[in-house]
C-alpha atoms as a PDB file:
ATOM      1  CA  UNK A   1       0.055   0.297   0.124  1.00  0.00           C
ATOM      2  CA  UNK A   2       1.493   3.457  -1.020  1.00  0.00           C
ATOM      3  CA  UNK A   3       2.666   6.076   1.533  1.00  0.00           C
ATOM      4  CA  UNK A   4       2.661   9.698   1.626  1.00  0.00           C
ATOM      5  CA  UNK A   5       6.617   9.113   1.572  1.00  0.00           C
ATOM      6  CA  UNK A   6       5.806   7.240  -2.155  1.00  0.00           C
ATOM      7  CA  UNK A   7       3.842  10.403  -2.736  1.00  0.00           C
ATOM      8  CA  UNK A   8       6.611  12.666  -1.689  1.00  0.00           C
ATOM      9  CA  UNK A   9       9.244  10.764  -3.500  1.00  0.00           C
ATOM     10  CA  UNK A  10       7.496  10.821  -6.909  1.00  0.00           C
ATOM     11  CA  UNK A  11       6.495  14.385  -6.822  1.00  0.00           C
ATOM     12  CA  UNK A  12       9.861  15.295  -6.111  1.00  0.00           C
ATOM     13  CA  UNK A  13       8.210  17.598  -2.970  1.00  0.00           C
ATOM     14  CA  UNK A  14       8.400  17.441   0.630  1.00  0.00           C
ATOM     15  CA  UNK A  15       6.036  15.350   3.013  1.00  0.00           C
ATOM     16  CA  UNK A  16       4.215  18.853   4.426  1.00  0.00           C
ATOM     17  CA  UNK A  17       3.711  19.855   0.810  1.00  0.00           C
ATOM     18  CA  UNK A  18       2.009  16.464  -0.140  1.00  0.00           C
ATOM     19  CA  UNK A  19      -0.409  17.411   3.068  1.00  0.00           C
ATOM     20  CA  UNK A  20      -1.076  20.851   2.398  1.00  0.00           C
ATOM     21  CA  UNK A  21      -2.266  19.706  -1.357  1.00  0.00           C
ATOM     22  CA  UNK A  22      -4.610  16.910  -0.010  1.00  0.00           C
ATOM     23  CA  UNK A  23      -6.164  19.022   2.991  1.00  0.00           C
ATOM     24  CA  UNK A  24      -6.377  22.125   0.418  1.00  0.00           C
ATOM     25  CA  UNK A  25      -4.274  24.333   2.319  1.00  0.00           C
ATOM     26  CA  UNK A  26      -3.574  27.420   0.589  1.00  0.00           C
ATOM     27  CA  UNK A  27       0.223  28.588  -0.524  1.00  0.00           C
ATOM     28  CA  UNK A  28       1.088  25.517  -2.583  1.00  0.00           C
ATOM     29  CA  UNK A  29       3.146  26.044  -5.832  1.00  0.00           C
ATOM     30  CA  UNK A  30       0.774  25.385  -9.053  1.00  0.00           C
ATOM     31  CA  UNK A  31       3.178  23.243 -10.429  1.00  0.00           C
ATOM     32  CA  UNK A  32       3.720  21.456  -7.398  1.00  0.00           C
ATOM     33  CA  UNK A  33       0.104  20.609  -6.371  1.00  0.00           C
ATOM     34  CA  UNK A  34      -0.430  19.350 -10.127  1.00  0.00           C
ATOM     35  CA  UNK A  35       2.908  16.729  -9.160  1.00  0.00           C
ATOM     36  CA  UNK A  36       1.297  15.718  -6.152  1.00  0.00           C
ATOM     37  CA  UNK A  37      -1.792  15.507  -7.724  1.00  0.00           C
ATOM     38  CA  UNK A  38      -0.332  13.108 -10.562  1.00  0.00           C
ATOM     39  CA  UNK A  39       1.734  11.143  -8.448  1.00  0.00           C
ATOM     40  CA  UNK A  40      -1.850   9.963  -6.113  1.00  0.00           C
ATOM     41  CA  UNK A  41      -3.242   9.358  -9.084  1.00  0.00           C
ATOM     42  CA  UNK A  42      -0.798   7.607 -10.466  1.00  0.00           C
ATOM     43  CA  UNK A  43      -0.134   5.782  -7.101  1.00  0.00           C
ATOM     44  CA  UNK A  44      -3.875   5.041  -6.174  1.00  0.00           C
ATOM     45  CA  UNK A  45      -2.818   6.984  -2.794  1.00  0.00           C
ATOM     46  CA  UNK A  46      -5.500   6.794  -0.073  1.00  0.00           C
ATOM     47  CA  UNK A  47      -4.556   8.736   2.899  1.00  0.00           C
ATOM     48  CA  UNK A  48      -5.472   8.062   6.181  1.00  0.00           C
ATOM     49  CA  UNK A  49      -8.160  10.333   7.464  1.00  0.00           C
ATOM     50  CA  UNK A  50      -7.180  10.414  11.284  1.00  0.00           C
ATOM     51  CA  UNK A  51      -4.013  10.742   9.935  1.00  0.00           C
ATOM     52  CA  UNK A  52      -4.520  13.516   8.007  1.00  0.00           C
ATOM     53  CA  UNK A  53      -6.537  15.470  10.509  1.00  0.00           C
ATOM     54  CA  UNK A  54      -3.920  15.304  13.348  1.00  0.00           C
ATOM     55  CA  UNK A  55      -0.945  16.530  10.630  1.00  0.00           C
ATOM     56  CA  UNK A  56      -2.916  19.239   9.365  1.00  0.00           C
ATOM     57  CA  UNK A  57      -5.350  20.131  12.017  1.00  0.00           C
ATOM     58  CA  UNK A  58      -7.776  20.768   9.449  1.00  0.00           C
ATOM     59  CA  UNK A  59      -9.990  18.553   7.519  1.00  0.00           C
ATOM     60  CA  UNK A  60     -11.533  17.907   4.232  1.00  0.00           C
ATOM     61  CA  UNK A  61     -15.310  16.975   5.987  1.00  0.00           C
ATOM     62  CA  UNK A  62     -18.223  18.727   6.626  1.00  0.00           C
ATOM     63  CA  UNK A  63     -20.744  16.513   8.891  1.00  0.00           C
ATOM     64  CA  UNK A  64     -24.433  16.772   8.917  1.00  0.00           C
ATOM     65  CA  UNK A  65     -26.716  15.622  11.432  1.00  0.00           C
ATOM     66  CA  UNK A  66     -30.324  15.175  10.784  1.00  0.00           C
ATOM     67  CA  UNK A  67     -33.052  13.843  13.005  1.00  0.00           C
ATOM     68  CA  UNK A  68     -34.252  10.926  11.685  1.00  0.00           C
ATOM     69  CA  UNK A  69     -37.851  12.050  11.749  1.00  0.00           C
ATOM     70  CA  UNK A  70     -37.098  14.915   9.500  1.00  0.00           C
ATOM     71  CA  UNK A  71     -37.380  13.707   6.597  1.00  0.00           C
ATOM     72  CA  UNK A  72     -38.306  16.275   4.281  1.00  0.00           C
ATOM     73  CA  UNK A  73     -36.353  19.324   5.332  1.00  0.00           C
ATOM     74  CA  UNK A  74     -33.235  16.765   5.635  1.00  0.00           C
ATOM     75  CA  UNK A  75     -33.975  15.759   1.960  1.00  0.00           C
ATOM     76  CA  UNK A  76     -34.291  18.965   0.328  1.00  0.00           C
ATOM     77  CA  UNK A  77     -30.903  20.203   2.713  1.00  0.00           C
ATOM     78  CA  UNK A  78     -29.016  17.152   1.528  1.00  0.00           C
ATOM     79  CA  UNK A  79     -28.319  17.652  -1.979  1.00  0.00           C
ATOM     80  CA  UNK A  80     -28.078  21.683  -1.795  1.00  0.00           C
ATOM     81  CA  UNK A  81     -25.405  21.516   1.139  1.00  0.00           C
ATOM     82  CA  UNK A  82     -23.465  18.304  -0.620  1.00  0.00           C
ATOM     83  CA  UNK A  83     -23.499  20.070  -4.062  1.00  0.00           C
ATOM     84  CA  UNK A  84     -22.107  23.521  -2.383  1.00  0.00           C
ATOM     85  CA  UNK A  85     -19.528  21.557  -0.424  1.00  0.00           C
ATOM     86  CA  UNK A  86     -17.939  20.452  -3.544  1.00  0.00           C
ATOM     87  CA  UNK A  87     -17.458  24.232  -4.498  1.00  0.00           C
ATOM     88  CA  UNK A  88     -14.955  24.224  -1.342  1.00  0.00           C
ATOM     89  CA  UNK A  89     -13.015  21.020  -1.948  1.00  0.00           C
ATOM     90  CA  UNK A  90     -15.017  19.308   0.961  1.00  0.00           C
ATOM     91  CA  UNK A  91     -16.959  16.271   1.191  1.00  0.00           C
ATOM     92  CA  UNK A  92     -19.991  15.489   3.490  1.00  0.00           C
ATOM     93  CA  UNK A  93     -20.725  13.196   6.101  1.00  0.00           C
ATOM     94  CA  UNK A  94     -24.133  12.309   6.733  1.00  0.00           C
ATOM     95  CA  UNK A  95     -25.530  10.997  10.239  1.00  0.00           C
ATOM     96  CA  UNK A  96     -29.308  10.386  11.401  1.00  0.00           C
ATOM     97  CA  UNK A  97     -30.210  10.612  14.983  1.00  0.00           C
ATOM     98  CA  UNK A  98     -33.352   9.686  16.766  1.00  0.00           C
ATOM     99  CA  UNK A  99     -32.645  11.879  19.715  1.00  0.00           C
ATOM    100  CA  UNK A 100     -31.231  14.332  21.623  1.00  0.00           C
ATOM    101  CA  UNK A 101     -28.378  11.993  23.789  1.00  0.00           C
ATOM    102  CA  UNK A 102     -27.731   9.976  20.350  1.00  0.00           C
ATOM    103  CA  UNK A 103     -27.307  13.901  18.691  1.00  0.00           C
ATOM    104  CA  UNK A 104     -24.715  14.428  21.349  1.00  0.00           C
ATOM    105  CA  UNK A 105     -23.015  12.248  20.978  1.00  0.00           C
ATOM    106  CA  UNK A 106     -22.862  11.572  17.177  1.00  0.00           C
ATOM    107  CA  UNK A 107     -22.251  15.615  17.329  1.00  0.00           C
ATOM    108  CA  UNK A 108     -19.373  15.164  19.866  1.00  0.00           C
ATOM    109  CA  UNK A 109     -17.600  12.154  17.189  1.00  0.00           C
ATOM    110  CA  UNK A 110     -18.167  14.739  13.757  1.00  0.00           C
ATOM    111  CA  UNK A 111     -16.634  17.870  15.736  1.00  0.00           C
ATOM    112  CA  UNK A 112     -13.191  16.194  15.985  1.00  0.00           C
ATOM    113  CA  UNK A 113     -13.293  15.153  12.405  1.00  0.00           C
ATOM    114  CA  UNK A 114     -14.873  18.195  10.734  1.00  0.00           C
ATOM    115  CA  UNK A 115     -13.840  21.257   9.846  1.00  0.00           C
ATOM    116  CA  UNK A 116     -17.470  22.233  10.333  1.00  0.00           C
ATOM    117  CA  UNK A 117     -20.554  20.166  11.842  1.00  0.00           C
ATOM    118  CA  UNK A 118     -24.067  21.228  10.661  1.00  0.00           C
ATOM    119  CA  UNK A 119     -27.388  20.480  12.607  1.00  0.00           C
ATOM    120  CA  UNK A 120     -30.609  20.861  11.535  1.00  0.00           C
ATOM    121  CA  UNK A 121     -31.907  22.077  14.506  1.00  0.00           C
ATOM    122  CA  UNK A 122     -30.980  23.682  17.756  1.00  0.00           C
ATOM    123  CA  UNK A 123     -27.414  23.489  19.614  1.00  0.00           C
ATOM    124  CA  UNK A 124     -26.453  23.785  22.803  1.00  0.00           C
ATOM    125  CA  UNK A 125     -25.154  27.282  23.683  1.00  0.00           C
ATOM    126  CA  UNK A 126     -21.854  25.732  24.595  1.00  0.00           C
ATOM    127  CA  UNK A 127     -21.361  24.205  21.547  1.00  0.00           C
ATOM    128  CA  UNK A 128     -17.652  23.931  19.770  1.00  0.00           C
ATOM    129  CA  UNK A 129     -16.963  26.616  17.783  1.00  0.00           C
ATOM    130  CA  UNK A 130     -17.195  24.360  14.844  1.00  0.00           C
ATOM    131  CA  UNK A 131     -20.880  23.127  15.807  1.00  0.00           C
ATOM    132  CA  UNK A 132     -23.274  25.531  13.868  1.00  0.00           C
ATOM    133  CA  UNK A 133     -27.041  25.108  13.681  1.00  0.00           C
ATOM    134  CA  UNK A 134     -28.771  25.486  10.419  1.00  0.00           C
ATOM    135  CA  UNK A 135     -31.363  28.292  10.663  1.00  0.00           C
ATOM    136  CA  UNK A 136     -29.097  29.386  13.931  1.00  0.00           C
ATOM    137  CA  UNK A 137     -26.709  32.094  12.375  1.00  0.00           C
ATOM    138  CA  UNK A 138     -25.015  32.496  16.056  1.00  0.00           C
ATOM    139  CA  UNK A 139     -23.147  30.056  18.540  1.00  0.00           C
ATOM    140  CA  UNK A 140     -22.255  32.961  20.948  1.00  0.00           C
ATOM    141  CA  UNK A 141     -25.106  33.827  22.705  1.00  0.00           C
ATOM    142  CA  UNK A 142     -27.478  36.064  20.576  1.00  0.00           C
ATOM    143  CA  UNK A 143     -31.104  34.310  20.635  1.00  0.00           C
ATOM    144  CA  UNK A 144     -32.789  36.321  18.032  1.00  0.00           C
ATOM    145  CA  UNK A 145     -30.790  35.143  15.253  1.00  0.00           C
ATOM    146  CA  UNK A 146     -31.879  32.731  12.688  1.00  0.00           C
ATOM    147  CA  UNK A 147     -35.343  31.542  11.284  1.00  0.00           C
ATOM    148  CA  UNK A 148     -38.208  33.174  13.618  1.00  0.00           C
ATOM    149  CA  UNK A 149     -40.632  30.465  13.764  1.00  0.00           C
ATOM    150  CA  UNK A 150     -42.608  32.835  16.289  1.00  0.00           C
ATOM    151  CA  UNK A 151     -43.244  35.471  13.556  1.00  0.00           C
ATOM    152  CA  UNK A 152     -43.696  32.270  10.835  1.00  0.00           C
ATOM    153  CA  UNK A 153     -46.371  31.365  13.204  1.00  0.00           C
ATOM    154  CA  UNK A 154     -48.029  34.818  13.927  1.00  0.00           C
ATOM    155  CA  UNK A 155     -47.884  35.419  10.382  1.00  0.00           C
ATOM    156  CA  UNK A 156     -49.811  31.925   9.660  1.00  0.00           C
ATOM    157  CA  UNK A 157     -52.651  33.278  12.133  1.00  0.00           C
ATOM    158  CA  UNK A 158     -52.893  36.879  11.564  1.00  0.00           C
ATOM    159  CA  UNK A 159     -53.305  35.836   7.536  1.00  0.00           C
ATOM    160  CA  UNK A 160     -56.177  32.829   8.689  1.00  0.00           C
ATOM    161  CA  UNK A 161     -57.740  35.348  10.985  1.00  0.00           C
ATOM    162  CA  UNK A 162     -58.188  37.364   8.257  1.00  0.00           C
ATOM    163  CA  UNK A 163     -60.234  34.933   6.365  1.00  0.00           C
ATOM    164  CA  UNK A 164     -62.309  35.039   9.499  1.00  0.00           C
ATOM    165  CA  UNK A 165     -61.526  31.861  11.442  1.00  0.00           C
ATOM    166  CA  UNK A 166     -61.307  32.469  15.051  1.00  0.00           C
ATOM    167  CA  UNK A 167     -60.867  29.082  16.203  1.00  0.00           C
ATOM    168  CA  UNK A 168     -57.150  27.851  15.411  1.00  0.00           C
ATOM    169  CA  UNK A 169     -55.824  24.841  16.351  1.00  0.00           C
ATOM    170  CA  UNK A 170     -51.820  24.766  16.479  1.00  0.00           C
ATOM    171  CA  UNK A 171     -49.451  21.414  15.696  1.00  0.00           C
ATOM    172  CA  UNK A 172     -46.108  21.394  16.672  1.00  0.00           C
ATOM    173  CA  UNK A 173     -42.842  18.730  16.727  1.00  0.00           C
ATOM    174  CA  UNK A 174     -43.340  18.104  20.461  1.00  0.00           C
ATOM    175  CA  UNK A 175     -43.244  20.089  23.438  1.00  0.00           C
ATOM    176  CA  UNK A 176     -39.762  21.041  24.163  1.00  0.00           C
ATOM    177  CA  UNK A 177     -37.696  21.771  21.109  1.00  0.00           C
ATOM    178  CA  UNK A 178     -36.574  24.854  20.583  1.00  0.00           C
ATOM    179  CA  UNK A 179     -39.020  25.813  16.973  1.00  0.00           C
ATOM    180  CA  UNK A 180     -42.257  23.952  19.210  1.00  0.00           C
ATOM    181  CA  UNK A 181     -41.718  26.499  21.801  1.00  0.00           C
ATOM    182  CA  UNK A 182     -41.218  29.763  19.497  1.00  0.00           C
ATOM    183  CA  UNK A 183     -44.466  28.760  17.556  1.00  0.00           C
ATOM    184  CA  UNK A 184     -46.018  28.540  20.498  1.00  0.00           C
ATOM    185  CA  UNK A 185     -44.875  32.210  22.084  1.00  0.00           C
ATOM    186  CA  UNK A 186     -46.025  33.327  18.868  1.00  0.00           C
ATOM    187  CA  UNK A 187     -49.626  31.554  18.755  1.00  0.00           C
ATOM    188  CA  UNK A 188     -50.199  33.051  22.005  1.00  0.00           C
ATOM    189  CA  UNK A 189     -49.032  36.274  21.148  1.00  0.00           C
ATOM    190  CA  UNK A 190     -51.491  36.685  18.322  1.00  0.00           C
ATOM    191  CA  UNK A 191     -53.951  35.258  20.123  1.00  0.00           C
ATOM    192  CA  UNK A 192     -53.728  37.783  22.972  1.00  0.00           C
ATOM    193  CA  UNK A 193     -53.555  40.619  20.581  1.00  0.00           C
ATOM    194  CA  UNK A 194     -56.594  39.725  19.465  1.00  0.00           C
ATOM    195  CA  UNK A 195     -58.948  38.765  22.633  1.00  0.00           C
ATOM    196  CA  UNK A 196     -59.185  34.991  21.554  1.00  0.00           C
ATOM    197  CA  UNK A 197     -58.924  33.094  24.696  1.00  0.00           C
ATOM    198  CA  UNK A 198     -56.550  30.262  25.127  1.00  0.00           C
ATOM    199  CA  UNK A 199     -57.823  26.867  24.563  1.00  0.00           C
ATOM    200  CA  UNK A 200     -55.456  24.178  25.714  1.00  0.00           C
ATOM    201  CA  UNK A 201     -57.048  21.519  23.849  1.00  0.00           C
ATOM    202  CA  UNK A 202     -56.424  23.427  20.499  1.00  0.00           C
ATOM    203  CA  UNK A 203     -52.273  22.623  21.161  1.00  0.00           C
ATOM    204  CA  UNK A 204     -51.203  19.541  19.800  1.00  0.00           C
ATOM    205  CA  UNK A 205     -48.133  17.760  20.006  1.00  0.00           C
ATOM    206  CA  UNK A 206     -46.938  15.573  17.171  1.00  0.00           C
ATOM    207  CA  UNK A 207     -44.587  13.651  20.008  1.00  0.00           C
ATOM    208  CA  UNK A 208     -43.686  10.955  16.667  1.00  0.00           C
ATOM    209  CA  UNK A 209     -47.236  10.181  15.923  1.00  0.00           C
ATOM    210  CA  UNK A 210     -48.893  12.733  14.065  1.00  0.00           C
ATOM    211  CA  UNK A 211     -51.996  10.274  13.593  1.00  0.00           C
ATOM    212  CA  UNK A 212     -52.786   9.847  16.872  1.00  0.00           C
ATOM    213  CA  UNK A 213     -52.264  13.941  17.749  1.00  0.00           C
ATOM    214  CA  UNK A 214     -55.105  14.736  14.956  1.00  0.00           C
ATOM    215  CA  UNK A 215     -57.428  11.950  16.160  1.00  0.00           C
ATOM    216  CA  UNK A 216     -57.324  13.622  19.555  1.00  0.00           C
ATOM    217  CA  UNK A 217     -58.161  16.889  18.295  1.00  0.00           C
ATOM    218  CA  UNK A 218     -60.911  15.264  15.600  1.00  0.00           C
ATOM    219  CA  UNK A 219     -62.304  12.992  18.528  1.00  0.00           C
ATOM    220  CA  UNK A 220     -63.070  15.966  20.866  1.00  0.00           C
ATOM    221  CA  UNK A 221     -65.535  18.593  21.603  1.00  0.00           C
ATOM    222  CA  UNK A 222     -63.506  21.535  20.634  1.00  0.00           C
ATOM    223  CA  UNK A 223     -64.183  23.685  17.804  1.00  0.00           C
ATOM    224  CA  UNK A 224     -61.870  24.426  15.187  1.00  0.00           C
ATOM    225  CA  UNK A 225     -61.809  25.903  11.728  1.00  0.00           C
ATOM    226  CA  UNK A 226     -58.470  25.789  10.904  1.00  0.00           C
ATOM    227  CA  UNK A 227     -55.092  23.713  11.733  1.00  0.00           C
ATOM    228  CA  UNK A 228     -51.879  25.219  11.341  1.00  0.00           C
ATOM    229  CA  UNK A 229     -48.981  22.842  11.391  1.00  0.00           C
ATOM    230  CA  UNK A 230     -45.335  23.264  11.153  1.00  0.00           C
ATOM    231  CA  UNK A 231     -44.639  20.895   8.463  1.00  0.00           C
ATOM    232  CA  UNK A 232     -46.313  19.617   5.024  1.00  0.00           C
ATOM    233  CA  UNK A 233     -46.418  15.956   5.531  1.00  0.00           C
ATOM    234  CA  UNK A 234     -48.528  17.014   8.957  1.00  0.00           C
ATOM    235  CA  UNK A 235     -50.900  18.367   6.613  1.00  0.00           C
ATOM    236  CA  UNK A 236     -51.090  15.762   4.473  1.00  0.00           C
ATOM    237  CA  UNK A 237     -51.921  13.526   7.154  1.00  0.00           C
ATOM    238  CA  UNK A 238     -54.400  15.967   8.315  1.00  0.00           C
ATOM    239  CA  UNK A 239     -56.046  15.697   5.149  1.00  0.00           C
ATOM    240  CA  UNK A 240     -56.225  12.442   4.880  1.00  0.00           C
ATOM    241  CA  UNK A 241     -57.811  12.017   8.657  1.00  0.00           C
ATOM    242  CA  UNK A 242     -60.295  14.723   8.118  1.00  0.00           C
ATOM    243  CA  UNK A 243     -61.321  13.134   4.444  1.00  0.00           C
ATOM    244  CA  UNK A 244     -62.210   9.320   6.727  1.00  0.00           C
ATOM    245  CA  UNK A 245     -64.580  11.542   9.022  1.00  0.00           C
ATOM    246  CA  UNK A 246     -66.513  12.974   5.661  1.00  0.00           C
ATOM    247  CA  UNK A 247     -64.501  16.517   6.619  1.00  0.00           C
ATOM    248  CA  UNK A 248     -63.901  18.655   4.131  1.00  0.00           C
ATOM    249  CA  UNK A 249     -61.272  20.602   3.689  1.00  0.00           C
ATOM    250  CA  UNK A 250     -60.916  23.723   3.073  1.00  0.00           C
ATOM    251  CA  UNK A 251     -64.892  23.919   3.333  1.00  0.00           C
ATOM    252  CA  UNK A 252     -65.346  22.904   7.062  1.00  0.00           C
ATOM    253  CA  UNK A 253     -61.589  22.926   8.102  1.00  0.00           C
ATOM    254  CA  UNK A 254     -58.460  24.707   6.507  1.00  0.00           C
ATOM    255  CA  UNK A 255     -55.132  23.488   6.417  1.00  0.00           C
ATOM    256  CA  UNK A 256     -51.982  25.950   6.890  1.00  0.00           C
ATOM    257  CA  UNK A 257     -48.166  24.701   6.516  1.00  0.00           C
ATOM    258  CA  UNK A 258     -44.805  26.460   8.202  1.00  0.00           C
ATOM    259  CA  UNK A 259     -42.847  24.510   5.253  1.00  0.00           C
ATOM    260  CA  UNK A 260     -43.416  25.053   1.779  1.00  0.00           C
ATOM    261  CA  UNK A 261     -41.801  21.731   0.447  1.00  0.00           C
ATOM    262  CA  UNK A 262     -42.337  19.901  -3.158  1.00  0.00           C
ATOM    263  CA  UNK A 263     -45.336  18.025  -1.545  1.00  0.00           C
ATOM    264  CA  UNK A 264     -46.955  21.714  -0.865  1.00  0.00           C
ATOM    265  CA  UNK A 265     -48.589  21.822  -4.311  1.00  0.00           C
ATOM    266  CA  UNK A 266     -49.072  18.424  -4.730  1.00  0.00           C
ATOM    267  CA  UNK A 267     -51.851  17.699  -2.107  1.00  0.00           C
ATOM    268  CA  UNK A 268     -54.970  18.064  -2.611  1.00  0.00           C
ATOM    269  CA  UNK A 269     -56.207  21.202  -2.139  1.00  0.00           C
ATOM    270  CA  UNK A 270     -52.614  22.672  -2.865  1.00  0.00           C
ATOM    271  CA  UNK A 271     -51.343  23.771   0.748  1.00  0.00           C
ATOM    272  CA  UNK A 272     -51.154  27.390   1.649  1.00  0.00           C
ATOM    273  CA  UNK A 273     -47.697  27.799   3.715  1.00  0.00           C
ATOM    274  CA  UNK A 274     -45.377  30.332   4.993  1.00  0.00           C
ATOM    275  CA  UNK A 275     -42.402  29.082   3.309  1.00  0.00           C
ATOM    276  CA  UNK A 276     -39.569  28.313   5.065  1.00  0.00           C
ATOM    277  CA  UNK A 277     -36.547  29.961   3.467  1.00  0.00           C
ATOM    278  CA  UNK A 278     -34.479  26.972   2.340  1.00  0.00           C
ATOM    279  CA  UNK A 279     -31.899  29.512  -0.057  1.00  0.00           C
ATOM    280  CA  UNK A 280     -31.115  32.230   2.769  1.00  0.00           C
ATOM    281  CA  UNK A 281     -30.784  29.827   5.433  1.00  0.00           C
ATOM    282  CA  UNK A 282     -28.519  27.429   2.990  1.00  0.00           C
ATOM    283  CA  UNK A 283     -26.314  30.988   1.847  1.00  0.00           C
ATOM    284  CA  UNK A 284     -26.369  31.749   5.577  1.00  0.00           C
ATOM    285  CA  UNK A 285     -24.684  28.180   6.424  1.00  0.00           C
ATOM    286  CA  UNK A 286     -22.156  28.248   3.698  1.00  0.00           C
ATOM    287  CA  UNK A 287     -20.907  31.702   4.969  1.00  0.00           C
ATOM    288  CA  UNK A 288     -20.094  30.105   8.557  1.00  0.00           C
ATOM    289  CA  UNK A 289     -18.436  27.089   6.643  1.00  0.00           C
ATOM    290  CA  UNK A 290     -16.265  29.452   4.936  1.00  0.00           C
ATOM    291  CA  UNK A 291     -15.599  31.307   8.080  1.00  0.00           C
ATOM    292  CA  UNK A 292     -14.948  28.624   9.719  1.00  0.00           C
ATOM    293  CA  UNK A 293     -11.939  27.492   7.445  1.00  0.00           C
ATOM    294  CA  UNK A 294     -10.602  30.898   7.025  1.00  0.00           C
ATOM    295  CA  UNK A 295     -10.716  30.874  10.883  1.00  0.00           C
ATOM    296  CA  UNK A 296     -12.416  33.987  11.032  1.00  0.00           C
ATOM    297  CA  UNK A 297     -15.809  34.202  13.519  1.00  0.00           C
ATOM    298  CA  UNK A 298     -18.726  31.755  12.333  1.00  0.00           C
ATOM    299  CA  UNK A 299     -21.463  34.730  13.936  1.00  0.00           C
ATOM    300  CA  UNK A 300     -22.257  38.179  13.976  1.00  0.00           C
ATOM    301  CA  UNK A 301     -22.660  40.599  16.620  1.00  0.00           C
ATOM    302  CA  UNK A 302     -26.289  42.192  15.282  1.00  0.00           C
ATOM    303  CA  UNK A 303     -28.950  40.319  15.643  1.00  0.00           C
ATOM    304  CA  UNK A 304     -30.970  39.217  12.149  1.00  0.00           C
ATOM    305  CA  UNK A 305     -33.667  37.245  11.724  1.00  0.00           C
ATOM    306  CA  UNK A 306     -35.098  35.520   8.583  1.00  0.00           C
ATOM    307  CA  UNK A 307     -39.406  35.445   8.056  1.00  0.00           C
ATOM    308  CA  UNK A 308     -40.917  33.133   5.526  1.00  0.00           C
ATOM    309  CA  UNK A 309     -42.769  34.502   2.681  1.00  0.00           C
ATOM    310  CA  UNK A 310     -46.881  33.553   2.455  1.00  0.00           C
ATOM    311  CA  UNK A 311     -47.667  31.319  -0.409  1.00  0.00           C
ATOM    312  CA  UNK A 312     -51.528  31.057  -0.854  1.00  0.00           C
ATOM    313  CA  UNK A 313     -53.123  28.211  -2.383  1.00  0.00           C
ATOM    314  CA  UNK A 314     -56.460  26.901  -1.983  1.00  0.00           C
ATOM    315  CA  UNK A 315     -56.292  24.998   1.134  1.00  0.00           C
ATOM    316  CA  UNK A 316     -57.830  27.868   3.465  1.00  0.00           C
ATOM    317  CA  UNK A 317     -61.479  28.663   3.461  1.00  0.00           C
ATOM    318  CA  UNK A 318     -62.373  32.476   3.454  1.00  0.00           C
ATOM    319  CA  UNK A 319     -65.464  32.518   6.189  1.00  0.00           C
ATOM    320  CA  UNK A 320     -65.082  36.596   6.382  1.00  0.00           C
END
């Protein structure tokens, strides 16, 4: 099996130069870089990943951690990030996790191997510098940076209230994650501003069983005319169950999602959404990865948020 010394001799450069070329480090003359790459190809050399990191204190890899139940967002993010990282000469390592404990263990392992670890979801305030949340722009304690689920929920509620709806159900992921807490905050704010009483029975959590959550609502005696959900697949499940109970969408119950995945326009009726701004989030994520590669700060001191855009379709009835 060829070694880095074999590449060094064939390319007629030092071992350090070979290491810099293989790790993408700047400052290598073009002719030396080409000589190393020719030698690598001729010898079919495959560098040891661990040794490469130890020698260079850098990595050609970026980690991506996705919750196993976040199939839609992850499926949209994965190809976009993988393609973008090719332009940075970085490879993507993807891990799916089922709970917070597994996420912490996976992130701890990846952050030792990768120049950056991107997490689809929240990360602890004391996370290592190279661990970044995809939809949060700061790891330095600035809480109002990133995608604002509270504002998205407020926008959704104001839209349906403008259509004459007063009995609004809300379906979040669970009772504890950061995005769900933001959604509940935005929901409560709008109800208070419009003097609409808060009904705890209209506050639902999927908790990995969205069918059960929706059946609890459908079988309750609570009055509701619209359900706002975090994910398009929750809306799809709601449409299926409501039809089984002979409830017409949107004539009797309207639906609105905070995602706008490709599924949204394929549903019947097409789903009204507050879009999750994937392209803008990706742009910010890539900038933070570049900052890590160039050893610059990964956060900006000023607060900034991203808000989704209303995509009106046919799933919300006008009761006004």
